[in-house]
N, C-alpha and C. Protein backbone atom coordinates (compact mmCIF):
# COMPACT_ATOMS: atom_id res chain seq x y z
N UNK A 1 0.83 -1.20 0.00
CA UNK A 1 0.00 0.00 0.00
C UNK A 1 0.87 1.25 0.00
N UNK A 2 0.35 2.29 -0.57
CA UNK A 2 1.07 3.55 -0.65
C UNK A 2 0.79 4.40 0.59
N UNK A 3 1.61 5.42 0.77
CA UNK A 3 1.37 6.38 1.85
C UNK A 3 1.31 7.77 1.22
N UNK A 4 0.59 8.67 1.89
CA UNK A 4 0.39 10.00 1.31
C UNK A 4 0.53 11.08 2.36
N UNK A 5 0.86 12.26 1.87
CA UNK A 5 0.70 13.47 2.66
C UNK A 5 -0.45 14.23 2.01
N UNK A 6 -1.52 14.39 2.80
CA UNK A 6 -2.66 15.19 2.35
C UNK A 6 -2.35 16.64 2.68
N UNK A 7 -2.54 17.50 1.71
CA UNK A 7 -2.19 18.91 1.84
C UNK A 7 -3.38 19.79 1.55
N UNK A 8 -3.65 20.71 2.45
CA UNK A 8 -4.60 21.76 2.14
C UNK A 8 -3.96 22.66 1.09
N UNK A 9 -4.78 23.35 0.30
CA UNK A 9 -4.21 24.20 -0.75
C UNK A 9 -3.98 25.63 -0.27
N UNK A 10 -5.05 26.34 0.04
CA UNK A 10 -4.96 27.77 0.37
C UNK A 10 -4.52 27.97 1.82
N UNK A 11 -3.44 28.72 1.98
CA UNK A 11 -2.90 28.96 3.31
C UNK A 11 -1.82 27.96 3.69
N UNK A 12 -1.68 26.90 2.90
CA UNK A 12 -0.67 25.87 3.16
C UNK A 12 0.35 25.82 2.02
N UNK A 13 -0.16 25.75 0.79
CA UNK A 13 0.69 25.73 -0.40
C UNK A 13 0.71 27.11 -1.06
N UNK A 14 -0.46 27.71 -1.15
CA UNK A 14 -0.62 29.02 -1.77
C UNK A 14 -0.98 30.03 -0.70
N UNK A 15 -0.53 31.26 -0.87
CA UNK A 15 -0.92 32.30 0.09
C UNK A 15 -2.44 32.42 0.11
N UNK A 16 -2.98 32.62 1.29
CA UNK A 16 -4.43 32.76 1.46
C UNK A 16 -4.88 34.06 0.80
N UNK A 17 -5.84 33.95 -0.13
CA UNK A 17 -6.36 35.14 -0.80
C UNK A 17 -7.87 35.28 -0.65
N UNK A 18 -8.50 34.38 0.10
CA UNK A 18 -9.95 34.44 0.31
C UNK A 18 -10.68 34.34 -1.02
N UNK A 19 -10.80 33.14 -1.54
CA UNK A 19 -11.42 32.80 -2.81
C UNK A 19 -10.48 33.06 -3.99
N UNK A 20 -9.63 32.10 -4.23
CA UNK A 20 -8.72 32.12 -5.37
C UNK A 20 -9.54 31.80 -6.62
N UNK A 21 -9.65 32.76 -7.52
CA UNK A 21 -10.46 32.57 -8.73
C UNK A 21 -9.71 32.86 -10.02
N UNK A 22 -8.52 33.43 -9.91
CA UNK A 22 -7.76 33.82 -11.09
C UNK A 22 -6.32 33.32 -10.97
N UNK A 23 -5.73 32.94 -12.09
CA UNK A 23 -4.36 32.43 -12.09
C UNK A 23 -3.39 33.44 -11.51
N UNK A 24 -3.61 34.74 -11.77
CA UNK A 24 -2.67 35.74 -11.26
C UNK A 24 -2.68 35.83 -9.73
N UNK A 25 -3.67 35.21 -9.07
CA UNK A 25 -3.72 35.20 -7.61
C UNK A 25 -2.87 34.07 -7.01
N UNK A 26 -2.39 33.18 -7.84
CA UNK A 26 -1.57 32.09 -7.33
C UNK A 26 -0.22 32.65 -6.89
N UNK A 27 0.09 32.45 -5.63
CA UNK A 27 1.37 32.89 -5.08
C UNK A 27 1.84 31.79 -4.13
N UNK A 28 2.67 30.92 -4.67
CA UNK A 28 3.15 29.77 -3.91
C UNK A 28 4.00 30.27 -2.73
N UNK A 29 3.72 29.74 -1.54
CA UNK A 29 4.46 30.12 -0.34
C UNK A 29 5.91 29.65 -0.50
N UNK A 30 6.88 30.49 -0.12
CA UNK A 30 8.29 30.10 -0.26
C UNK A 30 8.59 28.77 0.42
N UNK A 31 9.39 27.96 -0.26
CA UNK A 31 9.82 26.67 0.29
C UNK A 31 8.92 25.50 -0.02
N UNK A 32 7.77 25.76 -0.64
CA UNK A 32 6.80 24.68 -0.90
C UNK A 32 7.39 23.64 -1.85
N UNK A 33 8.05 24.08 -2.90
CA UNK A 33 8.61 23.12 -3.86
C UNK A 33 9.65 22.22 -3.18
N UNK A 34 10.50 22.81 -2.35
CA UNK A 34 11.47 22.02 -1.59
C UNK A 34 10.76 20.97 -0.73
N UNK A 35 9.71 21.41 -0.01
CA UNK A 35 8.98 20.51 0.89
C UNK A 35 8.34 19.36 0.13
N UNK A 36 7.69 19.67 -0.98
CA UNK A 36 7.04 18.62 -1.77
C UNK A 36 8.05 17.64 -2.33
N UNK A 37 9.20 18.16 -2.75
CA UNK A 37 10.27 17.31 -3.27
C UNK A 37 10.80 16.39 -2.16
N UNK A 38 10.99 16.92 -0.97
CA UNK A 38 11.45 16.11 0.16
C UNK A 38 10.44 15.01 0.47
N UNK A 39 9.16 15.35 0.50
CA UNK A 39 8.13 14.35 0.79
C UNK A 39 8.12 13.25 -0.28
N UNK A 40 8.28 13.63 -1.54
CA UNK A 40 8.35 12.62 -2.62
C UNK A 40 9.55 11.71 -2.41
N UNK A 41 10.69 12.29 -2.03
CA UNK A 41 11.90 11.48 -1.82
C UNK A 41 11.74 10.51 -0.65
N UNK A 42 10.82 10.81 0.26
CA UNK A 42 10.54 9.94 1.40
C UNK A 42 9.50 8.87 1.05
N UNK A 43 9.02 8.89 -0.19
CA UNK A 43 8.10 7.85 -0.65
C UNK A 43 6.63 8.18 -0.52
N UNK A 44 6.30 9.45 -0.27
CA UNK A 44 4.91 9.85 -0.12
C UNK A 44 4.31 10.32 -1.44
N UNK A 45 3.02 10.08 -1.61
CA UNK A 45 2.25 10.76 -2.64
C UNK A 45 1.83 12.10 -2.05
N UNK A 46 1.90 13.16 -2.82
CA UNK A 46 1.43 14.48 -2.38
C UNK A 46 0.04 14.70 -2.97
N UNK A 47 -0.96 14.74 -2.09
CA UNK A 47 -2.35 14.85 -2.54
C UNK A 47 -2.99 16.08 -1.90
N UNK A 48 -3.39 17.01 -2.75
CA UNK A 48 -4.09 18.20 -2.27
C UNK A 48 -5.57 17.86 -2.11
N UNK A 49 -6.12 18.21 -0.95
CA UNK A 49 -7.57 18.13 -0.77
C UNK A 49 -8.04 19.50 -0.30
N UNK A 50 -9.01 20.05 -1.02
CA UNK A 50 -9.36 21.45 -0.80
C UNK A 50 -10.86 21.69 -0.93
N UNK A 51 -11.40 22.41 0.03
CA UNK A 51 -12.79 22.89 -0.08
C UNK A 51 -12.79 24.06 -1.06
N UNK A 52 -13.67 24.00 -2.03
CA UNK A 52 -13.76 25.07 -3.03
C UNK A 52 -15.21 25.53 -3.17
N UNK A 53 -15.72 26.12 -2.10
CA UNK A 53 -17.11 26.61 -2.11
C UNK A 53 -17.30 27.76 -3.09
N UNK A 54 -16.20 28.31 -3.61
CA UNK A 54 -16.33 29.37 -4.62
C UNK A 54 -17.13 28.88 -5.82
N UNK A 55 -17.07 27.57 -6.09
CA UNK A 55 -17.86 27.01 -7.20
C UNK A 55 -19.34 27.08 -6.85
N UNK A 56 -19.72 26.63 -5.65
CA UNK A 56 -21.12 26.68 -5.22
C UNK A 56 -21.61 28.12 -5.15
N UNK A 57 -20.73 29.02 -4.78
CA UNK A 57 -21.10 30.43 -4.62
C UNK A 57 -21.15 31.18 -5.95
N UNK A 58 -20.74 30.52 -7.03
CA UNK A 58 -20.81 31.14 -8.35
C UNK A 58 -19.64 32.05 -8.68
N UNK A 59 -18.57 31.97 -7.88
CA UNK A 59 -17.40 32.82 -8.13
C UNK A 59 -16.54 32.29 -9.26
N UNK A 60 -16.60 30.97 -9.52
CA UNK A 60 -15.89 30.38 -10.64
C UNK A 60 -16.53 29.04 -10.98
N UNK A 61 -16.26 28.58 -12.19
CA UNK A 61 -16.82 27.31 -12.66
C UNK A 61 -15.85 26.18 -12.34
N UNK A 62 -16.34 24.95 -12.45
CA UNK A 62 -15.45 23.81 -12.28
C UNK A 62 -14.36 23.80 -13.36
N UNK A 63 -14.70 24.25 -14.56
CA UNK A 63 -13.71 24.31 -15.63
C UNK A 63 -12.59 25.29 -15.28
N UNK A 64 -12.95 26.44 -14.77
CA UNK A 64 -11.95 27.44 -14.36
C UNK A 64 -11.11 26.91 -13.21
N UNK A 65 -11.76 26.21 -12.27
CA UNK A 65 -11.03 25.60 -11.16
C UNK A 65 -10.03 24.57 -11.70
N UNK A 66 -10.44 23.82 -12.72
CA UNK A 66 -9.53 22.87 -13.36
C UNK A 66 -8.32 23.57 -13.96
N UNK A 67 -8.53 24.74 -14.56
CA UNK A 67 -7.41 25.52 -15.10
C UNK A 67 -6.46 25.95 -13.98
N UNK A 68 -7.04 26.40 -12.87
CA UNK A 68 -6.22 26.81 -11.72
C UNK A 68 -5.39 25.63 -11.21
N UNK A 69 -6.03 24.48 -11.10
CA UNK A 69 -5.30 23.30 -10.61
C UNK A 69 -4.25 22.84 -11.61
N UNK A 70 -4.52 23.00 -12.88
CA UNK A 70 -3.50 22.72 -13.89
C UNK A 70 -2.27 23.59 -13.69
N UNK A 71 -2.50 24.83 -13.30
CA UNK A 71 -1.40 25.75 -13.03
C UNK A 71 -0.60 25.29 -11.80
N UNK A 72 -1.28 24.77 -10.78
CA UNK A 72 -0.57 24.24 -9.61
C UNK A 72 0.30 23.04 -10.01
N UNK A 73 -0.26 22.12 -10.79
CA UNK A 73 0.53 20.97 -11.26
C UNK A 73 1.78 21.46 -11.99
N UNK A 74 1.61 22.47 -12.83
CA UNK A 74 2.70 22.99 -13.64
C UNK A 74 3.76 23.71 -12.80
N UNK A 75 3.32 24.59 -11.92
CA UNK A 75 4.27 25.37 -11.12
C UNK A 75 4.99 24.52 -10.08
N UNK A 76 4.33 23.50 -9.60
CA UNK A 76 4.92 22.66 -8.56
C UNK A 76 5.51 21.40 -9.20
N UNK A 77 6.48 21.63 -10.06
CA UNK A 77 7.11 20.53 -10.81
C UNK A 77 8.62 20.61 -10.65
N UNK A 78 9.24 19.48 -10.83
CA UNK A 78 10.70 19.40 -10.77
C UNK A 78 11.15 18.47 -11.89
N UNK A 79 12.07 18.92 -12.69
CA UNK A 79 12.58 18.14 -13.83
C UNK A 79 11.44 17.64 -14.72
N UNK A 80 10.46 18.51 -14.95
CA UNK A 80 9.36 18.18 -15.85
C UNK A 80 8.29 17.28 -15.26
N UNK A 81 8.42 16.90 -13.99
CA UNK A 81 7.41 16.04 -13.35
C UNK A 81 6.77 16.80 -12.21
N UNK A 82 5.44 16.76 -12.16
CA UNK A 82 4.74 17.45 -11.09
C UNK A 82 5.03 16.79 -9.76
N UNK A 83 5.17 17.60 -8.74
CA UNK A 83 5.37 17.11 -7.37
C UNK A 83 4.03 16.84 -6.69
N UNK A 84 2.94 17.14 -7.39
CA UNK A 84 1.59 16.88 -6.90
C UNK A 84 1.07 15.65 -7.62
N UNK A 85 0.61 14.66 -6.86
CA UNK A 85 0.12 13.42 -7.45
C UNK A 85 -1.38 13.46 -7.74
N UNK A 86 -2.12 14.26 -7.01
CA UNK A 86 -3.56 14.34 -7.23
C UNK A 86 -4.09 15.58 -6.52
N UNK A 87 -5.18 16.10 -7.05
CA UNK A 87 -5.91 17.19 -6.40
C UNK A 87 -7.37 16.79 -6.36
N UNK A 88 -7.93 16.75 -5.15
CA UNK A 88 -9.36 16.50 -4.97
C UNK A 88 -9.97 17.75 -4.35
N UNK A 89 -11.17 18.08 -4.79
CA UNK A 89 -11.81 19.29 -4.27
C UNK A 89 -13.28 19.03 -4.01
N UNK A 90 -13.82 19.82 -3.10
CA UNK A 90 -15.26 19.79 -2.82
C UNK A 90 -15.85 21.12 -3.24
N UNK A 91 -16.71 21.13 -4.28
CA UNK A 91 -17.31 22.37 -4.75
C UNK A 91 -18.58 22.75 -3.99
N UNK A 92 -18.93 21.98 -2.96
CA UNK A 92 -20.24 22.11 -2.32
C UNK A 92 -20.25 23.10 -1.16
N UNK A 93 -21.41 23.73 -0.98
CA UNK A 93 -21.66 24.53 0.22
C UNK A 93 -23.16 24.82 0.31
N UNK A 94 -23.71 24.65 1.49
CA UNK A 94 -25.16 24.84 1.65
C UNK A 94 -25.59 26.29 1.41
N UNK A 95 -24.67 27.25 1.49
CA UNK A 95 -24.99 28.65 1.22
C UNK A 95 -24.77 29.03 -0.24
N UNK A 96 -24.51 28.04 -1.09
CA UNK A 96 -24.22 28.33 -2.49
C UNK A 96 -25.43 28.85 -3.25
N UNK A 97 -25.15 29.36 -4.44
CA UNK A 97 -26.22 29.84 -5.32
C UNK A 97 -26.37 28.96 -6.56
N UNK A 98 -25.39 28.10 -6.81
CA UNK A 98 -25.45 27.17 -7.94
C UNK A 98 -26.14 25.91 -7.42
N UNK A 99 -27.35 25.66 -7.91
CA UNK A 99 -28.21 24.62 -7.35
C UNK A 99 -27.52 23.25 -7.25
N UNK A 100 -26.78 22.90 -8.28
CA UNK A 100 -26.10 21.59 -8.32
C UNK A 100 -25.16 21.38 -7.12
N UNK A 101 -24.59 22.48 -6.61
CA UNK A 101 -23.60 22.39 -5.54
C UNK A 101 -24.10 22.93 -4.21
N UNK A 102 -25.35 23.38 -4.17
CA UNK A 102 -25.92 23.98 -2.95
C UNK A 102 -26.43 22.87 -2.04
N UNK A 103 -25.49 22.24 -1.34
CA UNK A 103 -25.85 21.10 -0.50
C UNK A 103 -24.72 20.82 0.50
N UNK A 104 -25.06 20.09 1.54
CA UNK A 104 -24.03 19.55 2.43
C UNK A 104 -23.43 18.36 1.71
N UNK A 105 -22.17 18.05 1.97
CA UNK A 105 -21.52 16.94 1.30
C UNK A 105 -20.52 16.26 2.22
N UNK A 106 -20.45 14.94 2.11
CA UNK A 106 -19.45 14.20 2.88
C UNK A 106 -18.04 14.50 2.36
N UNK A 107 -17.96 15.14 1.20
CA UNK A 107 -16.65 15.49 0.65
C UNK A 107 -16.09 16.78 1.24
N UNK A 108 -16.95 17.60 1.80
CA UNK A 108 -16.47 18.88 2.33
C UNK A 108 -15.79 18.68 3.68
N UNK A 109 -14.53 19.13 3.77
CA UNK A 109 -13.85 19.07 5.07
C UNK A 109 -14.65 19.88 6.09
N UNK A 110 -14.82 19.42 7.31
CA UNK A 110 -14.04 18.40 8.01
C UNK A 110 -14.50 16.95 7.79
N UNK A 111 -15.47 16.73 6.91
CA UNK A 111 -15.84 15.35 6.58
C UNK A 111 -14.70 14.70 5.80
N UNK A 112 -14.75 13.40 5.69
CA UNK A 112 -13.59 12.66 5.17
C UNK A 112 -13.77 12.13 3.74
N UNK A 113 -14.80 12.57 3.04
CA UNK A 113 -15.08 12.03 1.71
C UNK A 113 -13.92 12.11 0.74
N UNK A 114 -13.19 13.24 0.73
CA UNK A 114 -12.06 13.36 -0.21
C UNK A 114 -10.93 12.41 0.18
N UNK A 115 -10.72 12.23 1.47
CA UNK A 115 -9.67 11.30 1.91
C UNK A 115 -10.04 9.87 1.54
N UNK A 116 -11.29 9.50 1.75
CA UNK A 116 -11.74 8.15 1.39
C UNK A 116 -11.59 7.93 -0.12
N UNK A 117 -11.96 8.92 -0.90
CA UNK A 117 -11.82 8.82 -2.36
C UNK A 117 -10.35 8.64 -2.76
N UNK A 118 -9.47 9.44 -2.16
CA UNK A 118 -8.04 9.32 -2.46
C UNK A 118 -7.49 7.97 -2.01
N UNK A 119 -7.96 7.50 -0.85
CA UNK A 119 -7.51 6.21 -0.32
C UNK A 119 -7.85 5.09 -1.29
N UNK A 120 -9.05 5.12 -1.82
CA UNK A 120 -9.47 4.09 -2.78
C UNK A 120 -8.73 4.23 -4.11
N UNK A 121 -8.60 5.45 -4.57
CA UNK A 121 -7.96 5.71 -5.87
C UNK A 121 -6.49 5.30 -5.88
N UNK A 122 -5.80 5.52 -4.75
CA UNK A 122 -4.35 5.31 -4.71
C UNK A 122 -3.92 4.16 -3.80
N UNK A 123 -4.87 3.37 -3.29
CA UNK A 123 -4.57 2.25 -2.37
C UNK A 123 -3.67 2.71 -1.22
N UNK A 124 -4.17 3.68 -0.46
CA UNK A 124 -3.38 4.31 0.59
C UNK A 124 -3.55 3.62 1.94
N UNK A 125 -2.47 3.61 2.69
CA UNK A 125 -2.48 3.19 4.08
C UNK A 125 -2.51 4.47 4.91
N UNK A 126 -3.67 4.76 5.49
CA UNK A 126 -3.82 6.01 6.24
C UNK A 126 -2.97 6.02 7.50
N UNK A 127 -2.66 4.86 8.05
CA UNK A 127 -1.84 4.82 9.27
C UNK A 127 -0.40 5.26 9.00
N UNK A 128 0.00 5.26 7.73
CA UNK A 128 1.34 5.71 7.34
C UNK A 128 1.32 7.12 6.75
N UNK A 129 0.16 7.75 6.76
CA UNK A 129 -0.02 9.03 6.08
C UNK A 129 -0.08 10.20 7.08
N UNK A 130 0.03 11.40 6.54
CA UNK A 130 -0.03 12.64 7.33
C UNK A 130 -0.99 13.61 6.65
N UNK A 131 -1.46 14.58 7.42
CA UNK A 131 -2.29 15.67 6.89
C UNK A 131 -1.65 16.97 7.33
N UNK A 132 -1.40 17.86 6.38
CA UNK A 132 -0.83 19.18 6.68
C UNK A 132 -1.82 20.25 6.24
N UNK A 133 -2.19 21.12 7.16
CA UNK A 133 -3.11 22.20 6.82
C UNK A 133 -3.02 23.35 7.81
N UNK A 134 -3.74 24.43 7.49
CA UNK A 134 -3.71 25.63 8.33
C UNK A 134 -5.03 25.92 9.01
N UNK A 135 -6.08 25.15 8.71
CA UNK A 135 -7.41 25.49 9.23
C UNK A 135 -7.91 24.45 10.24
N UNK A 136 -8.86 24.89 11.04
CA UNK A 136 -9.48 24.00 12.03
C UNK A 136 -10.17 22.84 11.32
N UNK A 137 -10.82 23.12 10.20
CA UNK A 137 -11.50 22.02 9.47
C UNK A 137 -10.49 21.00 8.95
N UNK A 138 -9.27 21.44 8.63
CA UNK A 138 -8.21 20.50 8.23
C UNK A 138 -7.87 19.57 9.38
N UNK A 139 -7.70 20.15 10.57
CA UNK A 139 -7.30 19.36 11.73
C UNK A 139 -8.42 18.38 12.13
N UNK A 140 -9.66 18.81 12.04
CA UNK A 140 -10.78 17.93 12.38
C UNK A 140 -10.94 16.84 11.32
N UNK A 141 -10.75 17.19 10.06
CA UNK A 141 -10.80 16.21 8.98
C UNK A 141 -9.76 15.11 9.22
N UNK A 142 -8.54 15.52 9.53
CA UNK A 142 -7.47 14.56 9.80
C UNK A 142 -7.83 13.68 11.00
N UNK A 143 -8.36 14.31 12.04
CA UNK A 143 -8.75 13.55 13.23
C UNK A 143 -9.86 12.56 12.89
N UNK A 144 -10.85 13.01 12.12
CA UNK A 144 -11.96 12.13 11.73
C UNK A 144 -11.49 10.93 10.91
N UNK A 145 -10.39 11.13 10.15
CA UNK A 145 -9.86 10.06 9.30
C UNK A 145 -8.79 9.22 10.02
N UNK A 146 -8.41 9.65 11.22
CA UNK A 146 -7.37 8.92 11.95
C UNK A 146 -5.98 9.12 11.39
N UNK A 147 -5.74 10.30 10.83
CA UNK A 147 -4.44 10.61 10.22
C UNK A 147 -3.68 11.58 11.12
N UNK A 148 -2.36 11.39 11.22
CA UNK A 148 -1.53 12.32 11.99
C UNK A 148 -1.62 13.71 11.37
N UNK A 149 -1.79 14.69 12.23
CA UNK A 149 -2.03 16.05 11.75
C UNK A 149 -0.91 17.01 12.11
N UNK A 150 -0.58 17.82 11.12
CA UNK A 150 0.44 18.86 11.30
C UNK A 150 -0.21 20.19 10.93
N UNK A 151 -0.15 21.12 11.86
CA UNK A 151 -0.69 22.45 11.64
C UNK A 151 0.43 23.38 11.21
N UNK A 152 0.26 24.03 10.06
CA UNK A 152 1.22 25.05 9.64
C UNK A 152 0.71 26.42 10.07
N UNK A 153 1.63 27.30 10.45
CA UNK A 153 1.25 28.62 10.94
C UNK A 153 1.10 29.64 9.82
N UNK A 154 1.21 29.20 8.58
CA UNK A 154 0.90 30.06 7.45
C UNK A 154 -0.63 30.14 7.34
N UNK A 155 -1.14 31.02 6.51
CA UNK A 155 -2.60 31.12 6.35
C UNK A 155 -3.28 31.43 7.67
N UNK A 156 -4.27 30.60 8.02
CA UNK A 156 -5.03 30.79 9.26
C UNK A 156 -4.44 30.02 10.44
N UNK A 157 -3.20 29.58 10.31
CA UNK A 157 -2.59 28.71 11.31
C UNK A 157 -2.58 29.23 12.73
N UNK A 158 -2.29 30.53 12.92
CA UNK A 158 -2.22 31.07 14.28
C UNK A 158 -3.59 31.00 14.95
N UNK A 159 -4.64 31.37 14.23
CA UNK A 159 -6.01 31.30 14.77
C UNK A 159 -6.38 29.84 15.07
N UNK A 160 -6.00 28.95 14.16
CA UNK A 160 -6.32 27.53 14.32
C UNK A 160 -5.60 26.95 15.53
N UNK A 161 -4.37 27.36 15.73
CA UNK A 161 -3.61 26.89 16.89
C UNK A 161 -4.36 27.19 18.18
N UNK A 162 -4.88 28.41 18.28
CA UNK A 162 -5.62 28.82 19.46
C UNK A 162 -6.92 28.02 19.60
N UNK A 163 -7.63 27.85 18.50
CA UNK A 163 -8.89 27.11 18.55
C UNK A 163 -8.68 25.65 18.93
N UNK A 164 -7.63 25.04 18.39
CA UNK A 164 -7.31 23.66 18.74
C UNK A 164 -7.02 23.54 20.23
N UNK A 165 -6.30 24.50 20.77
CA UNK A 165 -5.99 24.50 22.20
C UNK A 165 -7.28 24.62 23.02
N UNK A 166 -8.16 25.54 22.61
CA UNK A 166 -9.44 25.73 23.32
C UNK A 166 -10.31 24.49 23.27
N UNK A 167 -10.32 23.81 22.11
CA UNK A 167 -11.18 22.64 21.91
C UNK A 167 -10.48 21.33 22.30
N UNK A 168 -9.25 21.46 22.80
CA UNK A 168 -8.46 20.29 23.22
C UNK A 168 -8.24 19.29 22.08
N UNK A 169 -7.95 19.82 20.91
CA UNK A 169 -7.60 19.00 19.74
C UNK A 169 -6.08 18.85 19.72
N UNK A 170 -5.61 17.64 19.82
CA UNK A 170 -4.18 17.37 19.83
C UNK A 170 -3.64 17.37 18.40
N UNK A 171 -2.62 18.17 18.19
CA UNK A 171 -1.93 18.24 16.91
C UNK A 171 -0.55 17.65 17.12
N UNK A 172 -0.14 16.74 16.24
CA UNK A 172 1.16 16.07 16.42
C UNK A 172 2.33 17.05 16.33
N UNK A 173 2.17 18.07 15.48
CA UNK A 173 3.27 19.03 15.34
C UNK A 173 2.72 20.34 14.82
N UNK A 174 3.27 21.44 15.34
CA UNK A 174 2.93 22.78 14.84
C UNK A 174 4.17 23.27 14.11
N UNK A 175 4.01 23.46 12.80
CA UNK A 175 5.13 23.83 11.94
C UNK A 175 5.04 25.29 11.53
N UNK A 176 6.19 25.91 11.34
CA UNK A 176 6.20 27.29 10.85
C UNK A 176 5.62 27.38 9.44
N UNK A 177 5.93 26.36 8.62
CA UNK A 177 5.50 26.37 7.23
C UNK A 177 5.64 24.95 6.68
N UNK A 178 5.40 24.77 5.40
CA UNK A 178 5.45 23.44 4.81
C UNK A 178 6.84 22.80 4.87
N UNK A 179 7.92 23.53 4.61
CA UNK A 179 9.24 22.90 4.74
C UNK A 179 9.50 22.38 6.16
N UNK A 180 9.09 23.13 7.17
CA UNK A 180 9.23 22.69 8.55
C UNK A 180 8.43 21.41 8.79
N UNK A 181 7.23 21.36 8.25
CA UNK A 181 6.38 20.16 8.37
C UNK A 181 7.03 18.96 7.70
N UNK A 182 7.60 19.16 6.52
CA UNK A 182 8.24 18.06 5.78
C UNK A 182 9.45 17.54 6.55
N UNK A 183 10.21 18.44 7.15
CA UNK A 183 11.38 18.01 7.95
C UNK A 183 10.92 17.22 9.17
N UNK A 184 9.79 17.61 9.78
CA UNK A 184 9.24 16.87 10.91
C UNK A 184 8.87 15.44 10.48
N UNK A 185 8.24 15.32 9.33
CA UNK A 185 7.86 13.99 8.83
C UNK A 185 9.12 13.14 8.60
N UNK A 186 10.16 13.76 8.05
CA UNK A 186 11.42 13.03 7.84
C UNK A 186 11.95 12.51 9.17
N UNK A 187 11.91 13.34 10.21
CA UNK A 187 12.37 12.92 11.54
C UNK A 187 11.52 11.76 12.07
N UNK A 188 10.22 11.81 11.85
CA UNK A 188 9.33 10.73 12.29
C UNK A 188 9.75 9.40 11.67
N UNK A 189 10.13 9.43 10.41
CA UNK A 189 10.51 8.22 9.71
C UNK A 189 11.86 7.70 10.18
N UNK A 190 12.71 8.59 10.65
CA UNK A 190 14.05 8.19 11.10
C UNK A 190 14.02 7.57 12.49
N UNK A 191 12.99 7.87 13.27
CA UNK A 191 12.89 7.36 14.65
C UNK A 191 12.22 6.01 14.71
């Protein structure tokens, strides 16, 4: 079975812009390419799982979202190969205006639908996997799936750190950023 690092997109890989809808808004956080490369060298699949309620809210189409994700695959590449193995997204939100997506969904974090889908698609062993994100819903999603969780302090990380403490949610590691998180995972494997 394979192992994966599940990665939130906005605030973890890309600077938080509050509804990324245009390619010019993509601003990869420094060190992300190094971190993804390190994780690949450790034998992990890098899988982005991201809530994209902007689709339900009518801010962008699934086709446009596909273009944005194509840009992530392209920018996060090394020697012509993408460092991202898969991107799964949830376009749903009960406050949406696009009827098709105006609903609750098991795919929307903190639910585990995207993780289950990735697990089946890639034959993943979740006990060997990690989840890295900056939001409370990321940490709860990881907890719901039984995956070790790493909170990055980029994006909403500082607020999430406080909320996790208040709600007594145990986080395996609090990282400054994605490279710090990747180095922590490397240490875990060495011990």
